């Protein structure tokens, strides 16, 4: 199997070999007043990142805040696609006693398209948010509503 076939089959070693080291990729998220994947970008270009965050204003007129995280270049994939875990928990504090509870029946959200580091502007590859994914023509093609149970994982 040649390198291209390995890459197309999602072989992480082939992907690492092809790109030779860290890719300096970053995910930029608005820090407030957002949800459903709105305003999230993935970039390797420092000038693009600066353009996204400089001069932004929040809804109250103050300076906007951003969360900038190192993007995982070689994530674990399901069927060559990104995924995340949706978990539900509750933390209580009564009389300075912390208690944590975890609901066992969460689920996994999957992307509609195969992972590709050369298509950073394709939100259907890089974001698993339901609000984003349901806009793709392949939504639900692989899993019902792009969701899996923990047991199916």
N, C-alpha and C. Protein backbone atom coordinates (compact mmCIF):
# COMPACT_ATOMS: atom_id res chain seq x y z
N UNK A 1 0.86 -1.18 0.00
CA UNK A 1 0.00 0.00 0.00
C UNK A 1 0.90 1.24 0.00
N UNK A 2 0.70 2.13 -0.97
CA UNK A 2 1.54 3.33 -1.03
C UNK A 2 1.05 4.38 -0.04
N UNK A 3 1.82 5.45 0.10
CA UNK A 3 1.53 6.50 1.09
C UNK A 3 0.16 7.13 0.85
N UNK A 4 -0.19 7.40 -0.40
CA UNK A 4 -1.46 8.01 -0.70
C UNK A 4 -2.62 7.09 -0.28
N UNK A 5 -2.51 5.81 -0.55
CA UNK A 5 -3.56 4.87 -0.14
C UNK A 5 -3.68 4.83 1.38
N UNK A 6 -2.54 4.84 2.08
CA UNK A 6 -2.56 4.83 3.54
C UNK A 6 -3.26 6.07 4.07
N UNK A 7 -2.94 7.21 3.47
CA UNK A 7 -3.55 8.48 3.89
C UNK A 7 -5.06 8.44 3.64
N UNK A 8 -5.44 7.97 2.45
CA UNK A 8 -6.86 7.89 2.12
C UNK A 8 -7.60 6.91 3.03
N UNK A 9 -6.90 5.91 3.53
CA UNK A 9 -7.50 4.94 4.44
C UNK A 9 -7.46 5.42 5.89
N UNK A 10 -6.95 6.62 6.13
CA UNK A 10 -6.94 7.18 7.47
C UNK A 10 -5.81 6.68 8.35
N UNK A 11 -4.78 6.09 7.75
CA UNK A 11 -3.64 5.59 8.53
C UNK A 11 -2.89 6.79 9.10
N UNK A 12 -2.96 6.96 10.41
CA UNK A 12 -2.38 8.13 11.07
C UNK A 12 -0.86 8.21 10.87
N UNK A 13 -0.21 7.07 10.79
CA UNK A 13 1.25 7.10 10.55
C UNK A 13 1.56 7.71 9.19
N UNK A 14 0.74 7.40 8.20
CA UNK A 14 0.95 7.96 6.87
C UNK A 14 0.70 9.46 6.87
N UNK A 15 -0.30 9.89 7.61
CA UNK A 15 -0.59 11.33 7.70
C UNK A 15 0.58 12.05 8.35
N UNK A 16 1.10 11.50 9.45
CA UNK A 16 2.25 12.13 10.12
C UNK A 16 3.46 12.15 9.20
N UNK A 17 3.69 11.06 8.49
CA UNK A 17 4.83 10.96 7.59
C UNK A 17 4.72 12.01 6.48
N UNK A 18 3.51 12.17 5.96
CA UNK A 18 3.27 13.12 4.88
C UNK A 18 3.55 14.55 5.33
N UNK A 19 3.14 14.90 6.53
CA UNK A 19 3.25 16.28 7.00
C UNK A 19 4.52 16.55 7.81
N UNK A 20 5.21 15.53 8.23
CA UNK A 20 6.49 15.66 8.93
C UNK A 20 6.48 16.64 10.09
N UNK A 21 5.79 16.31 11.14
CA UNK A 21 5.87 17.11 12.35
C UNK A 21 4.66 17.98 12.58
N UNK A 22 4.73 18.80 13.65
CA UNK A 22 3.58 19.65 13.99
C UNK A 22 3.26 20.63 12.87
N UNK A 23 1.99 20.94 12.73
CA UNK A 23 1.56 21.78 11.62
C UNK A 23 1.23 23.21 12.02
N UNK A 24 1.35 23.53 13.31
CA UNK A 24 1.08 24.88 13.77
C UNK A 24 -0.32 25.34 13.38
N UNK A 25 -1.28 24.45 13.61
CA UNK A 25 -2.67 24.73 13.28
C UNK A 25 -3.40 25.15 14.56
N UNK A 26 -4.29 26.15 14.44
CA UNK A 26 -4.97 26.71 15.61
C UNK A 26 -6.46 26.79 15.35
N UNK A 27 -7.26 26.64 16.41
CA UNK A 27 -8.70 26.82 16.32
C UNK A 27 -9.04 28.09 17.12
N UNK A 28 -9.81 28.96 16.50
CA UNK A 28 -10.13 30.26 17.08
C UNK A 28 -11.64 30.29 17.35
N UNK A 29 -12.01 30.53 18.62
CA UNK A 29 -13.42 30.54 19.02
C UNK A 29 -13.75 31.87 19.69
N UNK A 30 -14.90 32.44 19.36
CA UNK A 30 -15.33 33.64 20.10
C UNK A 30 -15.49 33.29 21.58
N UNK A 31 -15.13 34.22 22.44
CA UNK A 31 -15.14 33.96 23.88
C UNK A 31 -16.48 34.18 24.57
N UNK A 32 -17.39 34.87 23.92
CA UNK A 32 -18.68 35.13 24.58
C UNK A 32 -19.78 35.26 23.54
N UNK A 33 -21.01 35.15 24.04
CA UNK A 33 -22.20 35.37 23.22
C UNK A 33 -22.23 34.53 21.94
N UNK A 34 -21.87 33.28 22.05
CA UNK A 34 -21.89 32.43 20.87
C UNK A 34 -22.21 31.00 21.26
N UNK A 35 -22.74 30.29 20.34
CA UNK A 35 -22.94 28.85 20.47
C UNK A 35 -23.20 28.31 19.08
N UNK A 36 -23.45 27.03 18.98
CA UNK A 36 -23.81 26.38 17.73
C UNK A 36 -22.74 26.49 16.65
N UNK A 37 -21.47 26.66 17.05
CA UNK A 37 -20.37 26.72 16.09
C UNK A 37 -20.18 28.06 15.41
N UNK A 38 -20.96 29.06 15.80
CA UNK A 38 -20.88 30.37 15.14
C UNK A 38 -19.54 31.03 15.44
N UNK A 39 -18.88 31.49 14.39
CA UNK A 39 -17.65 32.25 14.55
C UNK A 39 -16.39 31.44 14.76
N UNK A 40 -16.46 30.12 14.69
CA UNK A 40 -15.28 29.28 14.91
C UNK A 40 -14.51 29.15 13.59
N UNK A 41 -13.19 29.29 13.67
CA UNK A 41 -12.32 29.15 12.50
C UNK A 41 -11.13 28.27 12.85
N UNK A 42 -10.55 27.66 11.83
CA UNK A 42 -9.33 26.87 11.97
C UNK A 42 -8.32 27.46 11.00
N UNK A 43 -7.10 27.74 11.47
CA UNK A 43 -6.13 28.41 10.61
C UNK A 43 -4.69 28.05 10.98
N UNK A 44 -3.80 28.19 9.99
CA UNK A 44 -2.36 28.08 10.20
C UNK A 44 -1.67 29.41 9.93
N UNK A 45 -2.42 30.40 9.49
CA UNK A 45 -1.87 31.67 9.04
C UNK A 45 -2.00 32.72 10.15
N UNK A 46 -0.87 33.18 10.68
CA UNK A 46 -0.88 34.14 11.79
C UNK A 46 -1.58 35.43 11.39
N UNK A 47 -1.42 35.87 10.14
CA UNK A 47 -2.08 37.10 9.71
C UNK A 47 -3.60 36.92 9.66
N UNK A 48 -4.06 35.75 9.26
CA UNK A 48 -5.50 35.48 9.26
C UNK A 48 -6.02 35.47 10.69
N UNK A 49 -5.27 34.85 11.61
CA UNK A 49 -5.68 34.80 13.02
C UNK A 49 -5.75 36.22 13.59
N UNK A 50 -4.74 37.02 13.33
CA UNK A 50 -4.75 38.41 13.81
C UNK A 50 -5.95 39.17 13.26
N UNK A 51 -6.26 38.95 11.98
CA UNK A 51 -7.40 39.61 11.35
C UNK A 51 -8.72 39.21 12.00
N UNK A 52 -8.81 37.96 12.44
CA UNK A 52 -10.03 37.48 13.08
C UNK A 52 -10.24 38.10 14.46
N UNK A 53 -9.15 38.32 15.19
CA UNK A 53 -9.29 38.75 16.59
C UNK A 53 -9.06 40.23 16.84
N UNK A 54 -8.43 40.93 15.93
CA UNK A 54 -8.13 42.34 16.16
C UNK A 54 -9.32 43.22 15.84
N UNK A 55 -9.67 44.07 16.78
CA UNK A 55 -10.72 45.05 16.55
C UNK A 55 -12.14 44.55 16.72
N UNK A 56 -12.29 43.28 17.09
CA UNK A 56 -13.63 42.75 17.29
C UNK A 56 -14.31 43.39 18.50
N UNK A 57 -15.61 43.56 18.41
CA UNK A 57 -16.38 44.15 19.51
C UNK A 57 -17.43 43.15 19.99
N UNK A 58 -17.65 43.13 21.30
CA UNK A 58 -18.69 42.29 21.88
C UNK A 58 -20.04 42.99 21.72
N UNK A 59 -21.12 42.29 22.05
CA UNK A 59 -22.47 42.87 21.91
C UNK A 59 -22.66 44.11 22.78
N UNK A 60 -21.92 44.18 23.90
CA UNK A 60 -22.06 45.35 24.78
C UNK A 60 -21.13 46.50 24.39
N UNK A 61 -20.40 46.34 23.26
CA UNK A 61 -19.54 47.41 22.77
C UNK A 61 -18.11 47.34 23.25
N UNK A 62 -17.81 46.44 24.19
CA UNK A 62 -16.44 46.28 24.65
C UNK A 62 -15.63 45.43 23.68
N UNK A 63 -14.37 45.25 24.01
CA UNK A 63 -13.52 44.42 23.16
C UNK A 63 -13.96 42.97 23.25
N UNK A 64 -14.05 42.31 22.11
CA UNK A 64 -14.42 40.90 22.07
C UNK A 64 -13.26 40.05 22.60
N UNK A 65 -13.59 38.91 23.17
CA UNK A 65 -12.57 37.98 23.63
C UNK A 65 -12.61 36.73 22.75
N UNK A 66 -11.49 36.02 22.75
CA UNK A 66 -11.37 34.83 21.92
C UNK A 66 -10.64 33.74 22.68
N UNK A 67 -10.95 32.53 22.32
CA UNK A 67 -10.22 31.37 22.84
C UNK A 67 -9.44 30.84 21.65
N UNK A 68 -8.12 30.78 21.79
CA UNK A 68 -7.27 30.28 20.71
C UNK A 68 -6.55 29.05 21.26
N UNK A 69 -6.82 27.91 20.63
CA UNK A 69 -6.26 26.65 21.10
C UNK A 69 -5.45 26.00 20.00
N UNK A 70 -4.41 25.30 20.41
CA UNK A 70 -3.65 24.49 19.46
C UNK A 70 -4.59 23.40 18.96
N UNK A 71 -4.67 23.25 17.66
CA UNK A 71 -5.53 22.24 17.04
C UNK A 71 -4.80 20.91 17.03
N UNK A 72 -5.50 19.85 17.35
CA UNK A 72 -4.88 18.53 17.33
C UNK A 72 -4.72 18.12 15.87
N UNK A 73 -3.47 18.05 15.42
CA UNK A 73 -3.20 17.75 14.01
C UNK A 73 -3.57 16.32 13.64
N UNK A 74 -3.37 15.40 14.56
CA UNK A 74 -3.58 13.98 14.27
C UNK A 74 -4.54 13.36 15.28
N UNK A 75 -5.81 13.72 15.20
CA UNK A 75 -6.77 13.23 16.20
C UNK A 75 -7.16 11.78 15.95
N UNK A 76 -7.71 11.15 16.97
CA UNK A 76 -8.34 9.85 16.81
C UNK A 76 -9.57 10.07 15.94
N UNK A 77 -9.79 9.19 14.97
CA UNK A 77 -10.91 9.33 14.05
C UNK A 77 -11.81 8.11 14.13
N UNK A 78 -13.08 8.30 13.78
CA UNK A 78 -14.02 7.20 13.61
C UNK A 78 -14.34 7.16 12.12
N UNK A 79 -14.02 6.05 11.47
CA UNK A 79 -14.27 5.91 10.02
C UNK A 79 -13.73 7.12 9.25
N UNK A 80 -12.51 7.55 9.62
CA UNK A 80 -11.80 8.66 8.98
C UNK A 80 -12.41 10.03 9.24
N UNK A 81 -13.33 10.12 10.23
CA UNK A 81 -14.01 11.37 10.52
C UNK A 81 -13.83 11.76 11.98
N UNK A 82 -13.85 13.08 12.23
CA UNK A 82 -13.73 13.59 13.59
C UNK A 82 -14.99 13.32 14.39
N UNK A 83 -14.84 13.34 15.70
CA UNK A 83 -15.97 13.12 16.59
C UNK A 83 -15.70 13.79 17.91
N UNK A 84 -16.75 13.94 18.71
CA UNK A 84 -16.58 14.38 20.09
C UNK A 84 -17.58 13.66 20.97
N UNK A 85 -17.32 13.70 22.25
CA UNK A 85 -18.21 13.08 23.23
C UNK A 85 -19.10 14.15 23.83
N UNK A 86 -20.38 13.88 23.87
CA UNK A 86 -21.31 14.77 24.57
C UNK A 86 -21.63 14.07 25.89
N UNK A 87 -21.19 14.69 26.98
CA UNK A 87 -21.39 14.10 28.30
C UNK A 87 -22.19 15.08 29.16
N UNK A 88 -22.88 14.52 30.14
CA UNK A 88 -23.69 15.34 31.02
C UNK A 88 -23.25 15.08 32.45
N UNK A 89 -23.01 16.15 33.17
CA UNK A 89 -22.58 16.02 34.56
C UNK A 89 -23.21 17.15 35.39
N UNK A 90 -23.15 16.95 36.68
CA UNK A 90 -23.67 17.93 37.61
C UNK A 90 -22.71 17.99 38.79
N UNK A 91 -22.33 19.20 39.16
CA UNK A 91 -21.48 19.39 40.34
C UNK A 91 -22.28 20.25 41.32
N UNK A 92 -22.36 19.78 42.54
CA UNK A 92 -23.08 20.53 43.58
C UNK A 92 -22.11 20.90 44.70
N UNK A 93 -22.44 21.96 45.39
CA UNK A 93 -21.67 22.36 46.55
C UNK A 93 -22.66 22.73 47.64
N UNK A 94 -22.75 21.89 48.66
CA UNK A 94 -23.64 22.13 49.79
C UNK A 94 -22.79 22.12 51.05
N UNK A 95 -22.83 23.21 51.79
CA UNK A 95 -22.00 23.35 52.99
C UNK A 95 -20.52 23.09 52.70
N UNK A 96 -20.06 23.65 51.58
CA UNK A 96 -18.66 23.55 51.15
C UNK A 96 -18.23 22.12 50.82
N UNK A 97 -19.19 21.23 50.60
CA UNK A 97 -18.90 19.86 50.18
C UNK A 97 -19.23 19.72 48.71
N UNK A 98 -18.22 19.43 47.91
CA UNK A 98 -18.43 19.25 46.48
C UNK A 98 -18.84 17.81 46.20
N UNK A 99 -19.82 17.66 45.35
CA UNK A 99 -20.23 16.34 44.88
C UNK A 99 -20.38 16.42 43.37
N UNK A 100 -19.93 15.37 42.70
CA UNK A 100 -20.06 15.31 41.25
C UNK A 100 -20.89 14.12 40.83
N UNK A 101 -21.71 14.32 39.81
CA UNK A 101 -22.55 13.27 39.27
C UNK A 101 -22.33 13.20 37.76
N UNK A 102 -22.34 12.01 37.24
CA UNK A 102 -22.11 11.80 35.82
C UNK A 102 -23.24 10.94 35.26
N UNK A 103 -23.89 11.43 34.21
CA UNK A 103 -24.95 10.67 33.56
C UNK A 103 -24.31 9.76 32.52
N UNK A 104 -24.55 8.47 32.63
CA UNK A 104 -23.84 7.48 31.80
C UNK A 104 -24.30 7.43 30.35
N UNK A 105 -25.48 7.95 30.03
CA UNK A 105 -26.00 7.82 28.67
C UNK A 105 -25.77 9.06 27.82
N UNK A 106 -24.53 9.41 27.60
CA UNK A 106 -24.22 10.49 26.68
C UNK A 106 -24.20 9.94 25.27
N UNK A 107 -23.58 10.66 24.37
CA UNK A 107 -23.49 10.17 23.00
C UNK A 107 -22.26 10.78 22.32
N UNK A 108 -22.00 10.31 21.12
CA UNK A 108 -20.86 10.76 20.33
C UNK A 108 -21.41 11.48 19.10
N UNK A 109 -20.89 12.68 18.83
CA UNK A 109 -21.28 13.43 17.63
C UNK A 109 -20.18 13.26 16.59
N UNK A 110 -20.55 12.99 15.35
CA UNK A 110 -19.57 12.76 14.29
C UNK A 110 -19.68 13.82 13.21
N UNK A 111 -18.59 14.02 12.48
CA UNK A 111 -18.63 14.93 11.34
C UNK A 111 -19.15 14.18 10.12
N UNK A 112 -19.60 14.93 9.14
CA UNK A 112 -20.17 14.34 7.92
C UNK A 112 -19.11 14.03 6.87
N UNK A 113 -17.93 14.61 7.03
CA UNK A 113 -16.90 14.46 5.99
C UNK A 113 -15.60 13.94 6.60
N UNK A 114 -14.82 13.28 5.76
CA UNK A 114 -13.55 12.72 6.20
C UNK A 114 -12.55 13.82 6.55
N UNK A 115 -11.74 13.53 7.56
CA UNK A 115 -10.73 14.46 8.06
C UNK A 115 -9.72 14.78 6.96
N UNK A 116 -9.43 16.07 6.78
CA UNK A 116 -8.48 16.51 5.76
C UNK A 116 -7.81 17.79 6.26
N UNK A 117 -6.52 17.69 6.52
CA UNK A 117 -5.77 18.84 7.02
C UNK A 117 -5.54 19.91 5.95
N UNK A 118 -5.84 19.59 4.71
CA UNK A 118 -5.66 20.56 3.64
C UNK A 118 -6.94 21.35 3.36
N UNK A 119 -7.99 21.12 4.12
CA UNK A 119 -9.26 21.82 3.92
C UNK A 119 -9.71 22.44 5.24
N UNK A 120 -8.90 23.34 5.79
CA UNK A 120 -9.18 23.93 7.10
C UNK A 120 -10.43 24.79 7.12
N UNK A 121 -10.88 25.27 5.97
CA UNK A 121 -12.06 26.13 5.94
C UNK A 121 -13.37 25.34 5.82
N UNK A 122 -13.29 24.01 5.74
CA UNK A 122 -14.49 23.17 5.62
C UNK A 122 -15.00 22.81 7.01
N UNK A 123 -16.02 23.51 7.46
CA UNK A 123 -16.56 23.29 8.82
C UNK A 123 -17.18 21.91 8.98
N UNK A 124 -17.63 21.30 7.87
CA UNK A 124 -18.23 19.97 7.96
C UNK A 124 -17.19 18.90 8.27
N UNK A 125 -15.92 19.21 8.09
CA UNK A 125 -14.82 18.31 8.45
C UNK A 125 -14.40 18.54 9.89
N UNK A 126 -14.26 19.79 10.29
CA UNK A 126 -13.58 20.13 11.53
C UNK A 126 -14.47 20.43 12.73
N UNK A 127 -15.75 20.69 12.53
CA UNK A 127 -16.66 20.99 13.65
C UNK A 127 -17.77 19.95 13.70
N UNK A 128 -18.01 19.41 14.88
CA UNK A 128 -19.05 18.38 15.02
C UNK A 128 -20.36 18.93 15.57
N UNK A 129 -20.46 20.24 15.73
CA UNK A 129 -21.68 20.85 16.25
C UNK A 129 -22.88 20.44 15.41
N UNK A 130 -23.98 20.09 16.05
CA UNK A 130 -25.21 19.72 15.33
C UNK A 130 -25.66 20.83 14.39
N UNK A 131 -25.60 22.07 14.85
CA UNK A 131 -26.08 23.20 14.05
C UNK A 131 -25.29 23.33 12.74
N UNK A 132 -24.03 22.99 12.77
CA UNK A 132 -23.19 23.02 11.56
C UNK A 132 -23.48 21.79 10.71
N UNK A 133 -23.39 20.61 11.32
CA UNK A 133 -23.48 19.36 10.57
C UNK A 133 -24.82 19.19 9.85
N UNK A 134 -25.90 19.63 10.46
CA UNK A 134 -27.22 19.40 9.84
C UNK A 134 -27.39 20.19 8.54
N UNK A 135 -26.50 21.11 8.25
CA UNK A 135 -26.54 21.87 7.00
C UNK A 135 -25.87 21.14 5.84
N UNK A 136 -25.10 20.08 6.15
CA UNK A 136 -24.37 19.36 5.11
C UNK A 136 -25.26 18.33 4.42
N UNK A 137 -25.07 18.17 3.13
CA UNK A 137 -25.87 17.19 2.37
C UNK A 137 -25.63 15.76 2.84
N UNK A 138 -24.51 15.50 3.49
CA UNK A 138 -24.21 14.15 3.98
C UNK A 138 -24.63 13.94 5.44
N UNK A 139 -25.32 14.89 6.02
CA UNK A 139 -25.78 14.75 7.40
C UNK A 139 -26.63 13.49 7.53
N UNK A 140 -26.27 12.63 8.47
CA UNK A 140 -27.01 11.39 8.70
C UNK A 140 -26.68 10.25 7.76
N UNK A 141 -25.77 10.47 6.84
CA UNK A 141 -25.40 9.44 5.86
C UNK A 141 -24.72 8.24 6.52
N UNK A 142 -23.91 8.49 7.53
CA UNK A 142 -23.14 7.41 8.15
C UNK A 142 -23.74 6.94 9.47
N UNK A 143 -24.23 7.87 10.26
CA UNK A 143 -24.92 7.55 11.51
C UNK A 143 -26.21 8.36 11.54
N UNK A 144 -27.23 7.82 12.15
CA UNK A 144 -28.50 8.52 12.27
C UNK A 144 -28.26 9.84 13.02
N UNK A 145 -28.57 10.95 12.38
CA UNK A 145 -28.36 12.29 12.96
C UNK A 145 -26.91 12.54 13.37
N UNK A 146 -25.95 11.86 12.72
CA UNK A 146 -24.52 12.01 13.03
C UNK A 146 -24.23 11.72 14.51
N UNK A 147 -24.90 10.74 15.06
CA UNK A 147 -24.70 10.39 16.47
C UNK A 147 -24.49 8.90 16.63
N UNK A 148 -23.68 8.55 17.62
CA UNK A 148 -23.43 7.16 17.98
C UNK A 148 -23.58 7.02 19.50
N UNK A 149 -23.96 5.84 19.93
CA UNK A 149 -23.97 5.57 21.37
C UNK A 149 -22.56 5.22 21.80
N UNK A 150 -22.31 5.29 23.09
CA UNK A 150 -21.01 4.88 23.60
C UNK A 150 -20.76 3.41 23.26
N UNK A 151 -21.82 2.60 23.31
CA UNK A 151 -21.70 1.17 23.00
C UNK A 151 -21.27 0.93 21.57
N UNK A 152 -21.78 1.74 20.62
CA UNK A 152 -21.38 1.60 19.23
C UNK A 152 -19.93 2.02 19.01
N UNK A 153 -19.44 2.92 19.83
CA UNK A 153 -18.06 3.35 19.74
C UNK A 153 -17.13 2.20 20.08
